[in-house]
C-alpha atoms as a PDB file:
ATOM      1  CA  UNK A   1       3.458 -88.678-111.323  1.00  0.00           C
ATOM      2  CA  UNK A   2       6.204 -90.744-113.067  1.00  0.00           C
ATOM      3  CA  UNK A   3       8.186 -90.106-115.867  1.00  0.00           C
ATOM      4  CA  UNK A   4       6.352 -89.772-119.677  1.00  0.00           C
ATOM      5  CA  UNK A   5       3.089 -89.981-117.312  1.00  0.00           C
ATOM      6  CA  UNK A   6       0.655 -87.115-118.868  1.00  0.00           C
ATOM      7  CA  UNK A   7      -0.545 -84.645-116.038  1.00  0.00           C
ATOM      8  CA  UNK A   8      -4.434 -85.140-115.366  1.00  0.00           C
ATOM      9  CA  UNK A   9      -6.004 -82.256-116.985  1.00  0.00           C
ATOM     10  CA  UNK A  10      -9.281 -82.363-114.885  1.00  0.00           C
ATOM     11  CA  UNK A  11      -8.863 -79.999-110.975  1.00  0.00           C
ATOM     12  CA  UNK A  12      -8.842 -81.859-108.151  1.00  0.00           C
ATOM     13  CA  UNK A  13     -11.924 -81.984-106.060  1.00  0.00           C
ATOM     14  CA  UNK A  14     -11.903 -80.101-102.975  1.00  0.00           C
ATOM     15  CA  UNK A  15     -13.096 -81.632 -99.939  1.00  0.00           C
ATOM     16  CA  UNK A  16     -16.868 -81.141 -99.095  1.00  0.00           C
ATOM     17  CA  UNK A  17     -17.442 -79.790-102.614  1.00  0.00           C
ATOM     18  CA  UNK A  18     -20.361 -80.880-104.054  1.00  0.00           C
ATOM     19  CA  UNK A  19     -21.035 -81.867-107.797  1.00  0.00           C
ATOM     20  CA  UNK A  20     -23.447 -82.964-110.104  1.00  0.00           C
ATOM     21  CA  UNK A  21     -21.981 -86.060-112.107  1.00  0.00           C
ATOM     22  CA  UNK A  22     -24.849 -87.632-113.603  1.00  0.00           C
ATOM     23  CA  UNK A  23     -28.249 -86.345-114.997  1.00  0.00           C
ATOM     24  CA  UNK A  24     -30.500 -88.576-116.777  1.00  0.00           C
ATOM     25  CA  UNK A  25     -32.168 -86.039-119.613  1.00  0.00           C
ATOM     26  CA  UNK A  26     -35.698 -87.574-121.805  1.00  0.00           C
ATOM     27  CA  UNK A  27     -34.589 -86.457-125.496  1.00  0.00           C
ATOM     28  CA  UNK A  28     -35.800 -86.618-128.746  1.00  0.00           C
ATOM     29  CA  UNK A  29     -32.868 -86.763-130.480  1.00  0.00           C
ATOM     30  CA  UNK A  30     -29.651 -88.245-128.994  1.00  0.00           C
ATOM     31  CA  UNK A  31     -26.975 -87.155-131.233  1.00  0.00           C
ATOM     32  CA  UNK A  32     -28.717 -83.599-131.464  1.00  0.00           C
ATOM     33  CA  UNK A  33     -28.685 -83.270-127.811  1.00  0.00           C
ATOM     34  CA  UNK A  34     -25.348 -84.458-127.369  1.00  0.00           C
ATOM     35  CA  UNK A  35     -24.053 -82.182-129.924  1.00  0.00           C
ATOM     36  CA  UNK A  36     -26.073 -79.092-127.894  1.00  0.00           C
ATOM     37  CA  UNK A  37     -24.547 -80.062-124.467  1.00  0.00           C
ATOM     38  CA  UNK A  38     -21.168 -80.877-125.602  1.00  0.00           C
ATOM     39  CA  UNK A  39     -20.455 -78.398-128.531  1.00  0.00           C
ATOM     40  CA  UNK A  40     -22.714 -75.231-127.475  1.00  0.00           C
ATOM     41  CA  UNK A  41     -23.043 -75.404-123.854  1.00  0.00           C
ATOM     42  CA  UNK A  42     -19.675 -77.271-123.226  1.00  0.00           C
ATOM     43  CA  UNK A  43     -20.038 -79.876-120.846  1.00  0.00           C
ATOM     44  CA  UNK A  44     -17.639 -82.517-121.254  1.00  0.00           C
ATOM     45  CA  UNK A  45     -18.269 -85.538-122.548  1.00  0.00           C
ATOM     46  CA  UNK A  46     -16.790 -88.612-120.114  1.00  0.00           C
ATOM     47  CA  UNK A  47     -18.472 -91.324-120.813  1.00  0.00           C
ATOM     48  CA  UNK A  48     -20.492 -92.341-123.680  1.00  0.00           C
ATOM     49  CA  UNK A  49     -22.109 -96.044-124.365  1.00  0.00           C
ATOM     50  CA  UNK A  50     -24.790 -97.343-125.991  1.00  0.00           C
ATOM     51  CA  UNK A  51     -27.253 -99.484-123.738  1.00  0.00           C
ATOM     52  CA  UNK A  52     -26.121-103.073-123.314  1.00  0.00           C
ATOM     53  CA  UNK A  53     -28.412-106.374-124.188  1.00  0.00           C
ATOM     54  CA  UNK A  54     -29.697-106.816-120.506  1.00  0.00           C
ATOM     55  CA  UNK A  55     -30.071-110.676-120.759  1.00  0.00           C
ATOM     56  CA  UNK A  56     -26.689-110.958-122.611  1.00  0.00           C
ATOM     57  CA  UNK A  57     -25.105-108.790-119.501  1.00  0.00           C
ATOM     58  CA  UNK A  58     -27.189-110.722-116.949  1.00  0.00           C
ATOM     59  CA  UNK A  59     -25.627-113.767-118.754  1.00  0.00           C
ATOM     60  CA  UNK A  60     -22.349-113.181-118.727  1.00  0.00           C
ATOM     61  CA  UNK A  61     -22.366-112.645-114.738  1.00  0.00           C
ATOM     62  CA  UNK A  62     -24.373-115.723-114.087  1.00  0.00           C
ATOM     63  CA  UNK A  63     -21.358-117.551-115.934  1.00  0.00           C
ATOM     64  CA  UNK A  64     -19.197-115.938-113.969  1.00  0.00           C
ATOM     65  CA  UNK A  65     -20.743-116.650-110.643  1.00  0.00           C
ATOM     66  CA  UNK A  66     -23.024-113.836-109.665  1.00  0.00           C
ATOM     67  CA  UNK A  67     -26.665-114.767-108.362  1.00  0.00           C
ATOM     68  CA  UNK A  68     -28.353-112.309-110.887  1.00  0.00           C
ATOM     69  CA  UNK A  69     -32.288-112.163-110.145  1.00  0.00           C
ATOM     70  CA  UNK A  70     -34.161-112.680-113.446  1.00  0.00           C
ATOM     71  CA  UNK A  71     -35.227-109.744-115.654  1.00  0.00           C
ATOM     72  CA  UNK A  72     -38.583-108.164-115.000  1.00  0.00           C
ATOM     73  CA  UNK A  73     -40.009-105.725-117.216  1.00  0.00           C
ATOM     74  CA  UNK A  74     -41.528-102.635-115.256  1.00  0.00           C
ATOM     75  CA  UNK A  75     -43.291-100.426-117.399  1.00  0.00           C
ATOM     76  CA  UNK A  76     -41.177-101.056-120.772  1.00  0.00           C
ATOM     77  CA  UNK A  77     -38.100-100.670-118.734  1.00  0.00           C
ATOM     78  CA  UNK A  78     -35.893-103.967-117.733  1.00  0.00           C
ATOM     79  CA  UNK A  79     -34.238-104.713-114.722  1.00  0.00           C
ATOM     80  CA  UNK A  80     -32.500-107.225-113.003  1.00  0.00           C
ATOM     81  CA  UNK A  81     -30.438-106.667-109.641  1.00  0.00           C
ATOM     82  CA  UNK A  82     -27.815-108.884-107.480  1.00  0.00           C
ATOM     83  CA  UNK A  83     -26.045-108.327-104.662  1.00  0.00           C
ATOM     84  CA  UNK A  84     -22.157-108.224-103.653  1.00  0.00           C
ATOM     85  CA  UNK A  85     -20.608-110.393-100.819  1.00  0.00           C
ATOM     86  CA  UNK A  86     -21.505-107.598 -98.304  1.00  0.00           C
ATOM     87  CA  UNK A  87     -24.806-106.951 -98.952  1.00  0.00           C
ATOM     88  CA  UNK A  88     -24.735-103.670-101.493  1.00  0.00           C
ATOM     89  CA  UNK A  89     -27.597-104.328-104.017  1.00  0.00           C
ATOM     90  CA  UNK A  90     -27.068-103.027-107.527  1.00  0.00           C
ATOM     91  CA  UNK A  91     -29.803-102.863-110.244  1.00  0.00           C
ATOM     92  CA  UNK A  92     -29.335-103.152-114.274  1.00  0.00           C
ATOM     93  CA  UNK A  93     -31.265-100.999-116.744  1.00  0.00           C
ATOM     94  CA  UNK A  94     -32.218-101.488-120.273  1.00  0.00           C
ATOM     95  CA  UNK A  95     -34.614 -99.191-121.631  1.00  0.00           C
ATOM     96  CA  UNK A  96     -34.885-100.892-124.799  1.00  0.00           C
ATOM     97  CA  UNK A  97     -36.072 -97.535-127.050  1.00  0.00           C
ATOM     98  CA  UNK A  98     -32.955 -96.075-126.577  1.00  0.00           C
ATOM     99  CA  UNK A  99     -30.541 -98.782-128.144  1.00  0.00           C
END
């Protein structure tokens, strides 16, 4: 750690430790659910973002030279996929009702 750098408040992860890092839960009221899990249960809210406009995100990637498949609607959930130069695939997902 360099001078003036704050210490990391998160404990290091032991090799071989199993972590539960992302759980998707259907909820009726996002603010109520966040307050319950964060304030009452004591979970840490590491990331909190609003869903992005998938068409705008896709257009931005295409403008930067990424070959992104067209957006497809699969039962109300929108997807668009692409691959990196090594063949790793990524899938953009947008659930419009969560915006």
